[in-house]
Each structure stands twice: as C-alpha cells, then as structure tokens.
Amino acid sequence: MSEARTSKTVLGPDCRISGELALDNDAVIMGEFTGTLRVSGTLELSESSKVSGMIIAGALRLAGHAEADVVAEDAVELLPGAQLVGQLYTARLNVVEGATFQGDVCVGPKAIQAAKEALRQTDGQEEDQPVQSITKSPSAIPQDQDEHDDASSITTMPGSVNQILQRRRPKVIAARNGNGIG
C-alpha cells in the first residue's frame, strides 16, 4: 500500500488538559480541554468532550460542549447534542437539528479575514505590528478550495489569544452559571 495516510491524535474521555496545544494533523478529543487549541486538520469533539477557551482549526465537527471562540478555516459542523457558546468564524457552517449555538457568527469566504481584524481590534494592536501565521496542512484543504487560495492560513497576533482568554474567562463562567451549560 502506497497511499498517503494522515495521522490523527486521539485524546480519550479520561483526559483533562489545560494550557496550549498545537497539533499538525487531525484530532479527536473526548475529554476536557481548557485553553488554546490549534489543529491544522479536522478537529472532532465527541459527545463527551468539554472545551473552553479558543479553538483554531482547519475544520471543526462538534458533538459535545464548547464555550470557546472558534476560527475554522474550512467549515464547522454542529452535530445533534452539540452546544457552542462563543464567537464563530468559518467559511461554511452546518447546524444539524438538535445542536445549539449561542454567540456571534461570521460565515463566508471573508470570515478568516474578519477573525483577524476582530483579534486586532480586541487587542488594540496597530496595523504595522508583526503577525504570526498558522498554515493548514494540504490534506485539510478541500479540493474545491482553489477559488479561496488565500484562505489556507489563519493569522493571529502574538499573545492575543491569551489576552482574549483572560478577558473572556469571567464571561464564560457567568454564562455557564446563568444558563446551565456545563
């Protein structure tokens, strides 16, 4: 067999991770994660998953709970039972019956640029400050992506994610206590 295989990182239901995690492949999370999660391919959050913080991925398939701001270059799919609270930036969005979403959404070919601008405004950074790029792996780019060639990377400002998380954490805790999500 000479076909190329993409690797997939799997974090089981007994995993509890806090901090920053960056993966250069696809990932499945069944446990809990708090912090910044960067996945260059497809991120699958199972029914048992609970994620809070910031998610940056090529694509997201959510069946669990996420209280997070999400930037997904290709697409987000909210499956039955999924609960997402936060800001969402993606090129395509599919919400299946039984899923819930509470927050702001920016969908379309310019969504990643809007995410970049929102982060810049949130942090009060100037246009000439350096930015850090995270490039998706070629396997995460859909075949019909040629019309959106510039959408193959996410650009964020250094340190901006931690600043957003620190400001957002009290809001997330208040939302969790106020509406029963948890």
Protein backbone atom coordinates (compact mmCIF):
# COMPACT_ATOMS: atom_id res chain seq x y z
CA MET A 1 0.00 0.00 0.00
CA SER A 2 1.50 3.28 -1.05
CA GLU A 3 -1.43 5.58 -0.26
CA ALA A 4 -0.69 8.52 1.99
CA ARG A 5 -2.16 8.36 5.48
CA THR A 6 -2.78 11.35 7.64
CA SER A 7 -2.19 10.86 11.31
CA LYS A 8 -4.85 11.55 13.92
CA THR A 9 -4.29 12.43 17.56
CA VAL A 10 -6.91 10.99 19.93
CA LEU A 11 -7.39 12.23 23.49
CA GLY A 12 -9.70 9.86 25.37
CA PRO A 13 -12.62 10.63 27.69
CA ASP A 14 -10.42 10.44 30.81
CA CYS A 15 -8.12 13.27 29.56
CA ARG A 16 -8.11 16.61 31.35
CA ILE A 17 -5.77 19.10 29.69
CA SER A 18 -5.22 22.76 30.46
CA GLY A 19 -2.94 25.12 28.55
CA GLU A 20 -1.99 25.44 24.91
CA LEU A 21 -1.97 22.51 22.47
CA ALA A 22 -0.94 22.65 18.80
CA LEU A 23 -1.35 19.63 16.50
CA ASP A 24 -0.20 19.37 12.87
CA ASN A 25 -2.78 16.73 11.96
CA ASP A 26 -6.39 15.72 12.58
CA ALA A 27 -7.54 15.30 16.18
CA VAL A 28 -10.35 13.77 18.22
CA ILE A 29 -10.99 14.99 21.75
CA MET A 30 -13.31 13.03 24.02
CA GLY A 31 -12.27 14.57 27.35
CA GLU A 32 -11.88 18.08 28.71
CA PHE A 33 -9.65 20.84 27.40
CA THR A 34 -9.23 24.37 28.71
CA GLY A 35 -7.04 26.88 26.89
CA THR A 36 -5.90 27.39 23.33
CA LEU A 37 -6.33 24.51 20.91
CA ARG A 38 -4.76 24.71 17.43
CA VAL A 39 -5.36 21.86 14.98
CA SER A 40 -4.16 22.14 11.39
CA GLY A 41 -6.58 19.49 10.10
CA THR A 42 -10.05 18.46 11.24
CA LEU A 43 -10.89 18.65 14.94
CA GLU A 44 -13.63 16.32 16.16
CA LEU A 45 -15.10 17.00 19.59
CA SER A 46 -17.13 13.96 20.69
CA GLU A 47 -20.32 13.89 22.75
CA SER A 48 -18.30 13.55 25.97
CA SER A 49 -15.98 16.49 25.22
CA LYS A 50 -15.98 19.78 27.11
CA VAL A 51 -13.77 22.53 25.69
CA SER A 52 -13.36 26.10 26.84
CA GLY A 53 -11.06 28.82 25.58
CA MET A 54 -10.02 29.30 21.94
CA ILE A 55 -10.20 26.83 19.05
CA ILE A 56 -8.32 27.39 15.80
CA ALA A 57 -8.70 24.55 13.30
CA GLY A 58 -8.90 23.67 9.63
CA ALA A 59 -12.39 22.26 10.24
CA LEU A 60 -14.49 21.50 13.34
CA ARG A 61 -17.05 18.75 13.94
CA LEU A 62 -18.68 19.36 17.32
CA ALA A 63 -20.92 16.88 19.12
CA GLY A 64 -20.02 17.90 22.70
CA HIS A 65 -19.87 21.16 24.61
CA ALA A 66 -17.65 24.13 23.79
CA GLU A 67 -17.52 27.52 25.45
CA ALA A 68 -14.96 28.93 23.08
CA ASP A 69 -14.22 31.36 20.34
CA VAL A 70 -13.77 29.32 17.16
CA VAL A 71 -11.85 30.06 13.98
CA ALA A 72 -12.27 27.22 11.47
CA GLU A 73 -10.90 27.95 8.01
CA ASP A 74 -12.91 25.40 6.06
CA ALA A 75 -16.11 24.51 7.90
CA VAL A 76 -17.89 23.96 11.19
CA GLU A 77 -20.47 21.23 11.68
CA LEU A 78 -22.60 21.25 14.82
CA LEU A 79 -23.96 17.74 15.32
CA PRO A 80 -27.04 16.67 17.35
CA GLY A 81 -26.47 17.43 21.04
CA ALA A 82 -23.68 19.93 20.35
CA GLN A 83 -23.62 23.12 22.41
CA LEU A 84 -21.43 26.01 21.30
CA VAL A 85 -21.20 29.32 23.14
CA GLY A 86 -18.84 31.96 21.75
CA GLN A 87 -17.76 33.75 18.62
CA LEU A 88 -17.55 31.71 15.43
CA TYR A 89 -15.60 32.49 12.23
CA THR A 90 -15.73 29.99 9.37
CA ALA A 91 -16.14 29.68 5.61
CA ARG A 92 -19.06 27.21 5.92
CA LEU A 93 -21.46 26.34 8.75
CA ASN A 94 -23.78 23.37 9.08
CA VAL A 95 -26.05 23.19 12.13
CA VAL A 96 -27.85 19.85 12.41
CA GLU A 97 -31.19 19.59 14.21
CA GLY A 98 -30.60 19.13 17.93
CA ALA A 99 -27.50 21.34 18.08
CA THR A 100 -27.44 24.71 19.81
CA PHE A 101 -25.31 27.79 19.19
CA GLN A 102 -25.23 30.97 21.25
CA GLY A 103 -22.97 33.82 20.18
CA ASP A 104 -21.80 35.82 17.20
CA VAL A 105 -21.11 34.23 13.84
CA CYS A 106 -19.25 35.30 10.70
CA VAL A 107 -19.65 32.86 7.82
CA GLY A 108 -18.32 33.10 4.28
CA PRO A 109 -15.17 33.45 2.23
CA LYS A 110 -14.06 36.57 4.15
CA ALA A 111 -14.63 35.08 7.65
CA ILE A 112 -10.95 34.38 8.37
CA GLN A 113 -10.04 37.97 7.48
CA ALA A 114 -12.84 39.15 9.80
CA ALA A 115 -11.43 36.96 12.60
CA LYS A 116 -8.00 38.50 12.09
CA GLU A 117 -9.45 42.02 12.24
CA ALA A 118 -11.54 41.21 15.34
CA LEU A 119 -8.46 39.94 17.15
CA ARG A 120 -6.52 43.03 16.13
CA GLN A 121 -9.29 45.37 17.38
CA THR A 122 -9.72 43.40 20.60
CA ASP A 123 -6.03 43.72 21.37
CA GLY A 124 -5.75 47.34 20.23
CA GLN A 125 -2.81 46.44 18.03
CA GLU A 126 -1.68 48.62 15.22
CA GLU A 127 -1.60 47.56 11.58
CA ASP A 128 2.20 47.55 11.35
CA GLN A 129 2.82 45.15 14.23
CA PRO A 130 4.07 41.67 13.30
CA VAL A 131 1.66 38.78 12.99
CA GLN A 132 2.12 35.06 13.39
CA SER A 133 0.71 32.66 10.78
CA ILE A 134 -0.54 29.14 11.25
CA THR A 135 -0.74 27.27 7.95
CA LYS A 136 -3.03 24.31 7.41
CA SER A 137 -1.69 21.06 6.12
CA PRO A 138 -2.56 20.39 2.44
CA SER A 139 -4.74 17.42 3.46
CA ALA A 140 -7.06 19.78 5.36
CA ILE A 141 -7.72 21.98 2.32
CA PRO A 142 -10.79 20.85 0.38
CA GLN A 143 -10.41 20.03 -3.29
CA ASP A 144 -12.73 22.87 -4.32
CA GLN A 145 -10.67 25.41 -2.37
CA ASP A 146 -8.89 26.84 -5.45
CA GLU A 147 -11.21 29.86 -5.55
CA HIS A 148 -10.19 30.71 -1.97
CA ASP A 149 -6.42 30.26 -2.24
CA ASP A 150 -5.78 32.98 0.34
CA ALA A 151 -7.85 31.07 2.93
CA SER A 152 -5.13 28.47 3.55
CA SER A 153 -3.79 30.15 6.68
CA ILE A 154 -5.00 31.77 9.87
CA THR A 155 -3.21 34.86 11.03
CA THR A 156 -3.19 35.89 14.68
CA MET A 157 -1.29 38.42 16.70
CA PRO A 158 1.33 37.17 19.20
CA GLY A 159 -0.14 36.98 22.67
CA SER A 160 -3.63 37.94 21.56
CA VAL A 161 -5.20 34.58 22.35
CA ASN A 162 -4.10 34.67 25.99
CA GLN A 163 -5.35 38.23 26.38
CA ILE A 164 -8.73 37.29 24.89
CA LEU A 165 -8.96 34.25 27.17
CA GLN A 166 -8.17 36.29 30.29
CA ARG A 167 -10.85 38.86 29.42
CA ARG A 168 -13.33 36.19 28.32
CA ARG A 169 -12.94 33.73 31.24
CA PRO A 170 -15.26 35.70 33.62
CA LYS A 171 -17.87 35.96 30.83
CA VAL A 172 -17.69 32.21 30.17
CA ILE A 173 -18.07 31.39 33.87
CA ALA A 174 -21.02 33.78 34.15
CA ALA A 175 -22.64 32.26 31.03
CA ARG A 176 -22.14 28.73 32.39
CA ASN A 177 -23.71 29.63 35.75
CA GLY A 178 -26.51 31.65 34.16
CA ASN A 179 -27.78 29.21 31.53
CA GLY A 180 -26.97 25.73 32.83
CA ILE A 181 -24.36 24.83 30.22
CA GLY A 182 -21.62 22.74 31.74
